[in-house]
Amino acid sequence: RASQRQEAIQEKMDENQQKMDDKAQKRKEMQDRIKAQQEERARLREEAKQRAADERQKRIDAVNNRKNNAADEKVEVKQDTTSAIAPDSAAINTKSANSGTTIDSLALKKADSIQNARDSVKDSKRAALLEKIRLQQEAKAKLREEQKQAAEEARKKRLEEIEKRKKLKEEQKENNN
């Protein structure tokens, strides 16, 4: 009777362990699905960021082109006005017109270089942040993998113990017969 009771208890424990293993398997599948969804969202976010950066760069290029065209038009206008002035003072006015365009173009170049420096700083900060996030995600993924492996090993050990008990039970039945 005691051995029968012990066997019944052991069978119930085995059934409960099997249920727990099934639940763990379902949980693992759910986590894998969630992880895949998160990776897809991250990929889509990165694509959206890249598209936004491309569009921003196009707008910046368009603005720079307009600035350059405006500077070229200024040069042409100033040169045209010098030709209307009397010939003896034309050389002086040409120099002043050229120096004005030089100052304008230098100011534009300086503004462009300042903007490029700001963009460069933003890009480097963004890259550093993305790298930090990527490293954190890799660390989390590594930790998850280690936990999965540990859980899998524990599950295998439990299954081996269950198999051993079943074999012992069968051997005892054979010995009793």
N, C-alpha and C. Protein backbone atom coordinates (compact mmCIF):
# COMPACT_ATOMS: atom_id res chain seq x y z
N ARG A 1 0.81 -1.20 0.00
CA ARG A 1 0.00 0.00 0.00
C ARG A 1 0.86 1.26 0.00
N ALA A 2 1.85 1.27 0.82
CA ALA A 2 2.73 2.44 0.90
C ALA A 2 3.44 2.66 -0.43
N SER A 3 3.87 1.56 -1.04
CA SER A 3 4.55 1.70 -2.33
C SER A 3 3.56 2.17 -3.40
N GLN A 4 2.32 1.67 -3.34
CA GLN A 4 1.31 2.13 -4.30
C GLN A 4 1.02 3.62 -4.11
N ARG A 5 0.91 4.01 -2.86
CA ARG A 5 0.67 5.42 -2.56
C ARG A 5 1.84 6.26 -3.07
N GLN A 6 3.05 5.75 -2.82
CA GLN A 6 4.26 6.46 -3.27
C GLN A 6 4.27 6.56 -4.81
N GLU A 7 3.89 5.47 -5.48
CA GLU A 7 3.84 5.49 -6.94
C GLU A 7 2.79 6.47 -7.45
N ALA A 8 1.64 6.51 -6.80
CA ALA A 8 0.58 7.44 -7.20
C ALA A 8 1.05 8.88 -7.03
N ILE A 9 1.71 9.13 -5.92
CA ILE A 9 2.25 10.48 -5.68
C ILE A 9 3.27 10.83 -6.76
N GLN A 10 4.13 9.87 -7.05
CA GLN A 10 5.18 10.11 -8.05
C GLN A 10 4.57 10.36 -9.43
N GLU A 11 3.52 9.60 -9.78
CA GLU A 11 2.85 9.80 -11.06
C GLU A 11 2.22 11.19 -11.14
N LYS A 12 1.58 11.61 -10.05
CA LYS A 12 0.99 12.95 -10.01
C LYS A 12 2.07 14.01 -10.17
N MET A 13 3.20 13.80 -9.50
CA MET A 13 4.31 14.75 -9.62
C MET A 13 4.81 14.80 -11.06
N ASP A 14 4.90 13.63 -11.68
CA ASP A 14 5.35 13.58 -13.07
C ASP A 14 4.36 14.31 -13.99
N GLU A 15 3.06 14.09 -13.75
CA GLU A 15 2.04 14.78 -14.56
C GLU A 15 2.14 16.30 -14.37
N ASN A 16 2.28 16.71 -13.11
CA ASN A 16 2.41 18.15 -12.83
C ASN A 16 3.66 18.72 -13.48
N GLN A 17 4.74 17.95 -13.43
CA GLN A 17 5.99 18.42 -14.05
C GLN A 17 5.81 18.56 -15.55
N GLN A 18 5.10 17.61 -16.15
CA GLN A 18 4.84 17.67 -17.59
C GLN A 18 4.01 18.90 -17.93
N LYS A 19 2.99 19.19 -17.11
CA LYS A 19 2.18 20.38 -17.33
C LYS A 19 3.03 21.64 -17.24
N MET A 20 3.91 21.68 -16.23
CA MET A 20 4.79 22.84 -16.07
C MET A 20 5.71 22.99 -17.27
N ASP A 21 6.23 21.86 -17.76
CA ASP A 21 7.10 21.91 -18.94
C ASP A 21 6.34 22.42 -20.16
N ASP A 22 5.09 21.99 -20.31
CA ASP A 22 4.27 22.46 -21.43
C ASP A 22 4.04 23.97 -21.33
N LYS A 23 3.73 24.43 -20.11
CA LYS A 23 3.53 25.87 -19.92
C LYS A 23 4.81 26.63 -20.22
N ALA A 24 5.94 26.10 -19.79
CA ALA A 24 7.23 26.76 -20.05
C ALA A 24 7.49 26.83 -21.55
N GLN A 25 7.15 25.75 -22.26
CA GLN A 25 7.34 25.74 -23.71
C GLN A 25 6.46 26.79 -24.38
N LYS A 26 5.19 26.90 -23.94
CA LYS A 26 4.30 27.91 -24.50
C LYS A 26 4.82 29.31 -24.21
N ARG A 27 5.32 29.51 -22.98
CA ARG A 27 5.87 30.81 -22.60
C ARG A 27 7.06 31.15 -23.48
N LYS A 28 7.90 30.15 -23.73
CA LYS A 28 9.08 30.36 -24.57
C LYS A 28 8.65 30.76 -25.99
N GLU A 29 7.66 30.06 -26.53
CA GLU A 29 7.17 30.39 -27.87
C GLU A 29 6.61 31.80 -27.91
N MET A 30 5.88 32.19 -26.87
CA MET A 30 5.31 33.55 -26.80
C MET A 30 6.44 34.58 -26.76
N GLN A 31 7.47 34.32 -25.95
CA GLN A 31 8.60 35.25 -25.85
C GLN A 31 9.31 35.37 -27.20
N ASP A 32 9.45 34.26 -27.89
CA ASP A 32 10.10 34.30 -29.21
C ASP A 32 9.28 35.15 -30.18
N ARG A 33 7.94 34.98 -30.13
CA ARG A 33 7.07 35.78 -31.00
C ARG A 33 7.19 37.27 -30.67
N ILE A 34 7.18 37.58 -29.38
CA ILE A 34 7.29 38.98 -28.95
C ILE A 34 8.62 39.55 -29.38
N LYS A 35 9.68 38.77 -29.22
CA LYS A 35 11.02 39.23 -29.61
C LYS A 35 11.06 39.52 -31.11
N ALA A 36 10.47 38.65 -31.91
CA ALA A 36 10.45 38.85 -33.36
C ALA A 36 9.68 40.14 -33.70
N GLN A 37 8.56 40.36 -33.01
CA GLN A 37 7.79 41.58 -33.25
C GLN A 37 8.60 42.82 -32.88
N GLN A 38 9.30 42.75 -31.75
CA GLN A 38 10.11 43.90 -31.32
C GLN A 38 11.23 44.17 -32.31
N GLU A 39 11.86 43.13 -32.81
CA GLU A 39 12.92 43.31 -33.79
C GLU A 39 12.37 43.93 -35.07
N GLU A 40 11.19 43.51 -35.48
CA GLU A 40 10.57 44.07 -36.68
C GLU A 40 10.26 45.55 -36.47
N ARG A 41 9.70 45.89 -35.29
CA ARG A 41 9.42 47.30 -35.00
C ARG A 41 10.70 48.11 -35.00
N ALA A 42 11.77 47.57 -34.41
CA ALA A 42 13.05 48.30 -34.37
C ALA A 42 13.57 48.52 -35.79
N ARG A 43 13.45 47.51 -36.63
CA ARG A 43 13.90 47.64 -38.01
C ARG A 43 13.10 48.73 -38.74
N LEU A 44 11.79 48.72 -38.54
CA LEU A 44 10.94 49.73 -39.17
C LEU A 44 11.27 51.13 -38.66
N ARG A 45 11.56 51.24 -37.34
CA ARG A 45 11.95 52.54 -36.78
C ARG A 45 13.23 53.04 -37.42
N GLU A 46 14.20 52.14 -37.56
CA GLU A 46 15.48 52.53 -38.17
C GLU A 46 15.28 52.97 -39.62
N GLU A 47 14.43 52.26 -40.35
CA GLU A 47 14.15 52.65 -41.73
C GLU A 47 13.49 54.03 -41.77
N ALA A 48 12.55 54.27 -40.86
CA ALA A 48 11.88 55.58 -40.81
C ALA A 48 12.88 56.68 -40.47
N LYS A 49 13.77 56.41 -39.54
CA LYS A 49 14.80 57.40 -39.19
C LYS A 49 15.69 57.69 -40.39
N GLN A 50 16.04 56.65 -41.11
CA GLN A 50 16.90 56.83 -42.28
C GLN A 50 16.19 57.65 -43.35
N ARG A 51 14.91 57.35 -43.58
CA ARG A 51 14.14 58.12 -44.56
C ARG A 51 14.06 59.59 -44.13
N ALA A 52 13.81 59.81 -42.83
CA ALA A 52 13.73 61.19 -42.33
C ALA A 52 15.06 61.91 -42.50
N ALA A 53 16.16 61.20 -42.22
CA ALA A 53 17.48 61.81 -42.38
C ALA A 53 17.74 62.15 -43.85
N ASP A 54 17.35 61.25 -44.75
CA ASP A 54 17.51 61.51 -46.19
C ASP A 54 16.70 62.73 -46.62
N GLU A 55 15.45 62.79 -46.16
CA GLU A 55 14.60 63.93 -46.51
C GLU A 55 15.18 65.23 -45.94
N ARG A 56 15.66 65.17 -44.70
CA ARG A 56 16.27 66.35 -44.08
C ARG A 56 17.49 66.80 -44.88
N GLN A 57 18.30 65.83 -45.31
CA GLN A 57 19.48 66.17 -46.10
C GLN A 57 19.09 66.79 -47.44
N LYS A 58 18.02 66.28 -48.05
CA LYS A 58 17.54 66.85 -49.31
C LYS A 58 17.11 68.30 -49.10
N ARG A 59 16.39 68.56 -47.99
CA ARG A 59 15.96 69.94 -47.71
C ARG A 59 17.16 70.84 -47.49
N ILE A 60 18.16 70.34 -46.75
CA ILE A 60 19.37 71.13 -46.50
C ILE A 60 20.08 71.43 -47.81
N ASP A 61 20.19 70.42 -48.66
CA ASP A 61 20.83 70.63 -49.97
C ASP A 61 20.06 71.65 -50.80
N ALA A 62 18.73 71.58 -50.76
CA ALA A 62 17.91 72.53 -51.51
C ALA A 62 18.14 73.95 -50.98
N VAL A 63 18.19 74.09 -49.66
CA VAL A 63 18.43 75.42 -49.07
C VAL A 63 19.81 75.92 -49.48
N ASN A 64 20.81 75.06 -49.40
CA ASN A 64 22.17 75.46 -49.79
C ASN A 64 22.23 75.85 -51.26
N ASN A 65 21.53 75.10 -52.10
CA ASN A 65 21.50 75.45 -53.53
C ASN A 65 20.85 76.82 -53.74
N ARG A 66 19.75 77.07 -53.01
CA ARG A 66 19.10 78.38 -53.13
C ARG A 66 20.04 79.49 -52.66
N LYS A 67 20.76 79.24 -51.55
CA LYS A 67 21.72 80.23 -51.05
C LYS A 67 22.80 80.50 -52.09
N ASN A 68 23.34 79.43 -52.65
CA ASN A 68 24.39 79.59 -53.66
C ASN A 68 23.87 80.33 -54.88
N ASN A 69 22.66 79.98 -55.32
CA ASN A 69 22.07 80.67 -56.47
C ASN A 69 21.83 82.14 -56.15
N ALA A 70 21.38 82.42 -54.93
CA ALA A 70 21.15 83.81 -54.53
C ALA A 70 22.47 84.57 -54.49
N ALA A 71 23.53 83.92 -54.00
CA ALA A 71 24.84 84.57 -53.96
C ALA A 71 25.34 84.84 -55.38
N ASP A 72 25.13 83.88 -56.28
CA ASP A 72 25.53 84.07 -57.67
C ASP A 72 24.75 85.22 -58.30
N GLU A 73 23.45 85.29 -58.01
CA GLU A 73 22.63 86.37 -58.55
C GLU A 73 23.09 87.72 -58.00
N LYS A 74 23.49 87.77 -56.71
CA LYS A 74 23.99 89.01 -56.12
C LYS A 74 25.24 89.46 -56.85
N VAL A 75 26.11 88.51 -57.13
CA VAL A 75 27.34 88.84 -57.84
C VAL A 75 27.00 89.43 -59.20
N GLU A 76 26.08 88.82 -59.91
CA GLU A 76 25.71 89.30 -61.23
C GLU A 76 25.09 90.69 -61.15
N VAL A 77 24.22 90.91 -60.17
CA VAL A 77 23.57 92.20 -60.02
C VAL A 77 24.60 93.27 -59.72
N LYS A 78 25.51 93.01 -58.79
CA LYS A 78 26.52 94.00 -58.43
C LYS A 78 27.44 94.29 -59.61
N GLN A 79 27.78 93.30 -60.38
CA GLN A 79 28.64 93.52 -61.54
C GLN A 79 27.90 94.32 -62.61
N ASP A 80 26.61 94.08 -62.76
CA ASP A 80 25.82 94.83 -63.73
C ASP A 80 25.73 96.30 -63.34
N THR A 81 25.60 96.59 -62.06
CA THR A 81 25.49 97.98 -61.63
C THR A 81 26.79 98.72 -61.84
N THR A 82 27.92 98.04 -61.76
CA THR A 82 29.21 98.72 -61.95
C THR A 82 29.39 99.13 -63.40
N SER A 83 28.81 98.40 -64.33
CA SER A 83 28.98 98.75 -65.74
C SER A 83 28.22 100.03 -66.09
N ALA A 84 27.20 100.38 -65.32
CA ALA A 84 26.43 101.59 -65.60
C ALA A 84 27.14 102.84 -65.10
N ILE A 85 28.16 102.68 -64.28
CA ILE A 85 28.88 103.82 -63.71
C ILE A 85 29.95 104.28 -64.71
N ALA A 86 30.37 105.50 -64.56
CA ALA A 86 31.36 106.09 -65.47
C ALA A 86 32.63 105.27 -65.50
N PRO A 87 33.35 105.25 -66.65
CA PRO A 87 34.52 104.41 -66.82
C PRO A 87 35.66 104.70 -65.84
N ASP A 88 35.89 105.94 -65.44
CA ASP A 88 37.03 106.21 -64.57
C ASP A 88 36.81 105.71 -63.15
N SER A 89 35.57 105.57 -62.69
CA SER A 89 35.34 105.05 -61.34
C SER A 89 34.91 103.58 -61.37
N ALA A 90 34.87 102.97 -62.53
CA ALA A 90 34.42 101.58 -62.66
C ALA A 90 35.33 100.61 -61.93
N ALA A 91 36.62 100.82 -61.97
CA ALA A 91 37.56 99.92 -61.32
C ALA A 91 37.34 99.89 -59.82
N ILE A 92 37.12 101.03 -59.23
CA ILE A 92 36.90 101.11 -57.78
C ILE A 92 35.62 100.38 -57.41
N ASN A 93 34.54 100.62 -58.17
CA ASN A 93 33.27 99.99 -57.88
C ASN A 93 33.32 98.48 -58.11
N THR A 94 34.08 98.03 -59.07
CA THR A 94 34.22 96.60 -59.32
C THR A 94 34.88 95.94 -58.12
N LYS A 95 35.91 96.60 -57.60
CA LYS A 95 36.58 96.04 -56.42
C LYS A 95 35.62 95.96 -55.25
N SER A 96 34.85 96.99 -55.03
CA SER A 96 33.93 96.97 -53.89
C SER A 96 32.84 95.92 -54.12
N ALA A 97 32.38 95.76 -55.34
CA ALA A 97 31.36 94.75 -55.63
C ALA A 97 31.93 93.36 -55.40
N ASN A 98 33.15 93.12 -55.85
CA ASN A 98 33.77 91.81 -55.65
C ASN A 98 34.00 91.54 -54.18
N SER A 99 34.43 92.56 -53.43
CA SER A 99 34.66 92.33 -52.00
C SER A 99 33.34 92.06 -51.29
N GLY A 100 32.27 92.70 -51.73
CA GLY A 100 30.96 92.45 -51.14
C GLY A 100 30.52 91.02 -51.38
N THR A 101 30.71 90.54 -52.60
CA THR A 101 30.33 89.16 -52.89
C THR A 101 31.23 88.19 -52.15
N THR A 102 32.50 88.57 -51.99
CA THR A 102 33.42 87.70 -51.25
C THR A 102 32.96 87.59 -49.80
N ILE A 103 32.57 88.71 -49.22
CA ILE A 103 32.10 88.70 -47.84
C ILE A 103 30.82 87.87 -47.74
N ASP A 104 29.89 88.07 -48.70
CA ASP A 104 28.66 87.28 -48.70
C ASP A 104 28.95 85.79 -48.82
N SER A 105 29.83 85.43 -49.74
CA SER A 105 30.13 84.01 -49.93
C SER A 105 30.87 83.45 -48.72
N LEU A 106 31.74 84.26 -48.10
CA LEU A 106 32.42 83.80 -46.87
C LEU A 106 31.42 83.59 -45.75
N ALA A 107 30.47 84.51 -45.63
CA ALA A 107 29.44 84.37 -44.60
C ALA A 107 28.62 83.11 -44.84
N LEU A 108 28.27 82.86 -46.10
CA LEU A 108 27.52 81.65 -46.43
C LEU A 108 28.32 80.40 -46.12
N LYS A 109 29.60 80.43 -46.47
CA LYS A 109 30.46 79.27 -46.20
C LYS A 109 30.59 79.03 -44.71
N LYS A 110 30.75 80.13 -43.94
CA LYS A 110 30.87 80.00 -42.49
C LYS A 110 29.57 79.44 -41.91
N ALA A 111 28.43 79.95 -42.36
CA ALA A 111 27.14 79.45 -41.88
C ALA A 111 26.99 77.98 -42.23
N ASP A 112 27.38 77.61 -43.45
CA ASP A 112 27.30 76.21 -43.85
C ASP A 112 28.21 75.34 -42.99
N SER A 113 29.42 75.82 -42.72
CA SER A 113 30.34 75.01 -41.92
C SER A 113 29.84 74.88 -40.49
N ILE A 114 29.24 75.94 -39.95
CA ILE A 114 28.66 75.86 -38.60
C ILE A 114 27.52 74.85 -38.60
N GLN A 115 26.65 74.92 -39.61
CA GLN A 115 25.53 73.98 -39.68
C GLN A 115 26.04 72.55 -39.85
N ASN A 116 27.05 72.38 -40.69
CA ASN A 116 27.63 71.04 -40.88
C ASN A 116 28.23 70.53 -39.58
N ALA A 117 28.88 71.40 -38.81
CA ALA A 117 29.45 70.99 -37.53
C ALA A 117 28.34 70.57 -36.57
N ARG A 118 27.25 71.34 -36.55
CA ARG A 118 26.13 70.98 -35.68
C ARG A 118 25.54 69.64 -36.11
N ASP A 119 25.34 69.47 -37.41
CA ASP A 119 24.82 68.20 -37.92
C ASP A 119 25.75 67.05 -37.57
N SER A 120 27.04 67.30 -37.68
CA SER A 120 28.03 66.27 -37.36
C SER A 120 27.94 65.87 -35.89
N VAL A 121 27.81 66.87 -35.02
CA VAL A 121 27.69 66.58 -33.59
C VAL A 121 26.41 65.79 -33.32
N LYS A 122 25.30 66.22 -33.94
CA LYS A 122 24.04 65.49 -33.77
C LYS A 122 24.18 64.05 -34.25
N ASP A 123 24.79 63.88 -35.42
CA ASP A 123 24.97 62.54 -35.97
C ASP A 123 25.83 61.68 -35.07
N SER A 124 26.90 62.26 -34.53
CA SER A 124 27.78 61.46 -33.67
C SER A 124 27.07 61.10 -32.36
N LYS A 125 26.29 62.03 -31.82
CA LYS A 125 25.53 61.72 -30.60
C LYS A 125 24.51 60.63 -30.89
N ARG A 126 23.83 60.74 -32.04
CA ARG A 126 22.84 59.74 -32.42
C ARG A 126 23.51 58.37 -32.59
N ALA A 127 24.66 58.37 -33.25
CA ALA A 127 25.38 57.11 -33.47
C ALA A 127 25.81 56.50 -32.14
N ALA A 128 26.30 57.34 -31.21
CA ALA A 128 26.71 56.84 -29.90
C ALA A 128 25.52 56.26 -29.14
N LEU A 129 24.39 56.95 -29.21
CA LEU A 129 23.19 56.47 -28.54
C LEU A 129 22.71 55.16 -29.14
N LEU A 130 22.71 55.08 -30.47
CA LEU A 130 22.30 53.84 -31.13
C LEU A 130 23.24 52.69 -30.77
N GLU A 131 24.52 52.98 -30.69
CA GLU A 131 25.49 51.95 -30.31
C GLU A 131 25.24 51.48 -28.88
N LYS A 132 24.96 52.43 -27.99
CA LYS A 132 24.68 52.08 -26.59
C LYS A 132 23.43 51.20 -26.50
N ILE A 133 22.40 51.58 -27.24
CA ILE A 133 21.16 50.79 -27.24
C ILE A 133 21.42 49.40 -27.80
N ARG A 134 22.20 49.33 -28.88
CA ARG A 134 22.50 48.04 -29.49
C ARG A 134 23.25 47.15 -28.51
N LEU A 135 24.22 47.71 -27.80
CA LEU A 135 24.98 46.93 -26.82
C LEU A 135 24.08 46.45 -25.69
N GLN A 136 23.16 47.31 -25.23
CA GLN A 136 22.23 46.90 -24.18
C GLN A 136 21.33 45.76 -24.67
N GLN A 137 20.86 45.88 -25.89
CA GLN A 137 20.00 44.82 -26.44
C GLN A 137 20.77 43.51 -26.57
N GLU A 138 22.03 43.60 -27.00
CA GLU A 138 22.84 42.39 -27.11
C GLU A 138 23.05 41.76 -25.74
N ALA A 139 23.31 42.58 -24.72
CA ALA A 139 23.51 42.06 -23.37
C ALA A 139 22.24 41.38 -22.87
N LYS A 140 21.08 42.02 -23.11
CA LYS A 140 19.82 41.42 -22.70
C LYS A 140 19.57 40.10 -23.43
N ALA A 141 19.86 40.09 -24.72
CA ALA A 141 19.66 38.87 -25.51
C ALA A 141 20.57 37.75 -24.99
N LYS A 142 21.81 38.10 -24.66
CA LYS A 142 22.75 37.11 -24.14
C LYS A 142 22.24 36.56 -22.81
N LEU A 143 21.75 37.44 -21.94
CA LEU A 143 21.21 37.01 -20.66
C LEU A 143 20.01 36.09 -20.86
N ARG A 144 19.12 36.46 -21.80
CA ARG A 144 17.96 35.61 -22.08
C ARG A 144 18.39 34.24 -22.56
N GLU A 145 19.39 34.20 -23.44
CA GLU A 145 19.88 32.92 -23.95
C GLU A 145 20.45 32.07 -22.82
N GLU A 146 21.22 32.69 -21.93
CA GLU A 146 21.78 31.95 -20.80
C GLU A 146 20.67 31.40 -19.92
N GLN A 147 19.64 32.21 -19.67
CA GLN A 147 18.52 31.75 -18.85
C GLN A 147 17.78 30.61 -19.54
N LYS A 148 17.60 30.73 -20.86
CA LYS A 148 16.93 29.66 -21.60
C LYS A 148 17.73 28.36 -21.52
N GLN A 149 19.05 28.48 -21.68
CA GLN A 149 19.89 27.28 -21.62
C GLN A 149 19.83 26.64 -20.24
N ALA A 150 19.88 27.47 -19.19
CA ALA A 150 19.81 26.93 -17.83
C ALA A 150 18.46 26.24 -17.60
N ALA A 151 17.38 26.85 -18.06
CA ALA A 151 16.05 26.25 -17.91
C ALA A 151 15.96 24.95 -18.70
N GLU A 152 16.53 24.95 -19.90
CA GLU A 152 16.51 23.74 -20.73
C GLU A 152 17.29 22.61 -20.06
N GLU A 153 18.44 22.93 -19.50
CA GLU A 153 19.24 21.92 -18.81
C GLU A 153 18.49 21.37 -17.60
N ALA A 154 17.86 22.25 -16.83
CA ALA A 154 17.09 21.81 -15.67
C ALA A 154 15.93 20.91 -16.11
N ARG A 155 15.28 21.28 -17.20
CA ARG A 155 14.17 20.47 -17.71
C ARG A 155 14.66 19.09 -18.15
N LYS A 156 15.81 19.07 -18.82
CA LYS A 156 16.37 17.79 -19.25
C LYS A 156 16.71 16.91 -18.05
N LYS A 157 17.27 17.52 -17.00
CA LYS A 157 17.58 16.75 -15.79
C LYS A 157 16.32 16.17 -15.18
N ARG A 158 15.26 16.99 -15.11
CA ARG A 158 14.00 16.49 -14.54
C ARG A 158 13.46 15.34 -15.38
N LEU A 159 13.52 15.49 -16.70
CA LEU A 159 13.03 14.42 -17.57
C LEU A 159 13.86 13.15 -17.40
N GLU A 160 15.17 13.31 -17.24
CA GLU A 160 16.02 12.14 -17.01
C GLU A 160 15.66 11.45 -15.70
N GLU A 161 15.40 12.26 -14.66
CA GLU A 161 15.00 11.68 -13.37
C GLU A 161 13.68 10.93 -13.51
N ILE A 162 12.75 11.51 -14.25
CA ILE A 162 11.46 10.85 -14.46
C ILE A 162 11.66 9.53 -15.19
N GLU A 163 12.50 9.55 -16.22
CA GLU A 163 12.78 8.32 -16.97
C GLU A 163 13.43 7.27 -16.06
N LYS A 164 14.36 7.69 -15.21
CA LYS A 164 15.01 6.76 -14.28
C LYS A 164 13.98 6.12 -13.36
N ARG A 165 13.07 6.97 -12.83
CA ARG A 165 12.04 6.45 -11.92
C ARG A 165 11.13 5.46 -12.64
N LYS A 166 10.79 5.78 -13.90
CA LYS A 166 9.94 4.86 -14.67
C LYS A 166 10.65 3.53 -14.88
N LYS A 167 11.94 3.59 -15.21
CA LYS A 167 12.71 2.35 -15.41
C LYS A 167 12.79 1.55 -14.12
N LEU A 168 13.04 2.25 -13.02
CA LEU A 168 13.09 1.56 -11.72
C LEU A 168 11.75 0.91 -11.41
N LYS A 169 10.67 1.63 -11.69
CA LYS A 169 9.34 1.10 -11.45
C LYS A 169 9.10 -0.15 -12.28
N GLU A 170 9.49 -0.09 -13.57
CA GLU A 170 9.33 -1.24 -14.45
C GLU A 170 10.17 -2.42 -13.97
N GLU A 171 11.40 -2.14 -13.55
CA GLU A 171 12.27 -3.21 -13.04
C GLU A 171 11.68 -3.83 -11.78
N GLN A 172 11.10 -3.00 -10.91
CA GLN A 172 10.49 -3.53 -9.69
C GLN A 172 9.29 -4.40 -10.04
N LYS A 173 8.51 -3.97 -11.03
CA LYS A 173 7.36 -4.78 -11.44
C LYS A 173 7.84 -6.12 -12.00
N GLU A 174 8.90 -6.07 -12.82
CA GLU A 174 9.44 -7.30 -13.39
C GLU A 174 10.00 -8.20 -12.30
N ASN A 175 10.67 -7.62 -11.34
CA ASN A 175 11.23 -8.40 -10.23
C ASN A 175 10.13 -9.00 -9.38
N ASN A 176 9.03 -8.27 -9.22
CA ASN A 176 7.91 -8.78 -8.43
C ASN A 176 7.22 -9.92 -9.17
N ASN A 177 7.21 -9.86 -10.48
CA ASN A 177 6.56 -10.91 -11.27
C ASN A 177 7.48 -12.09 -11.30
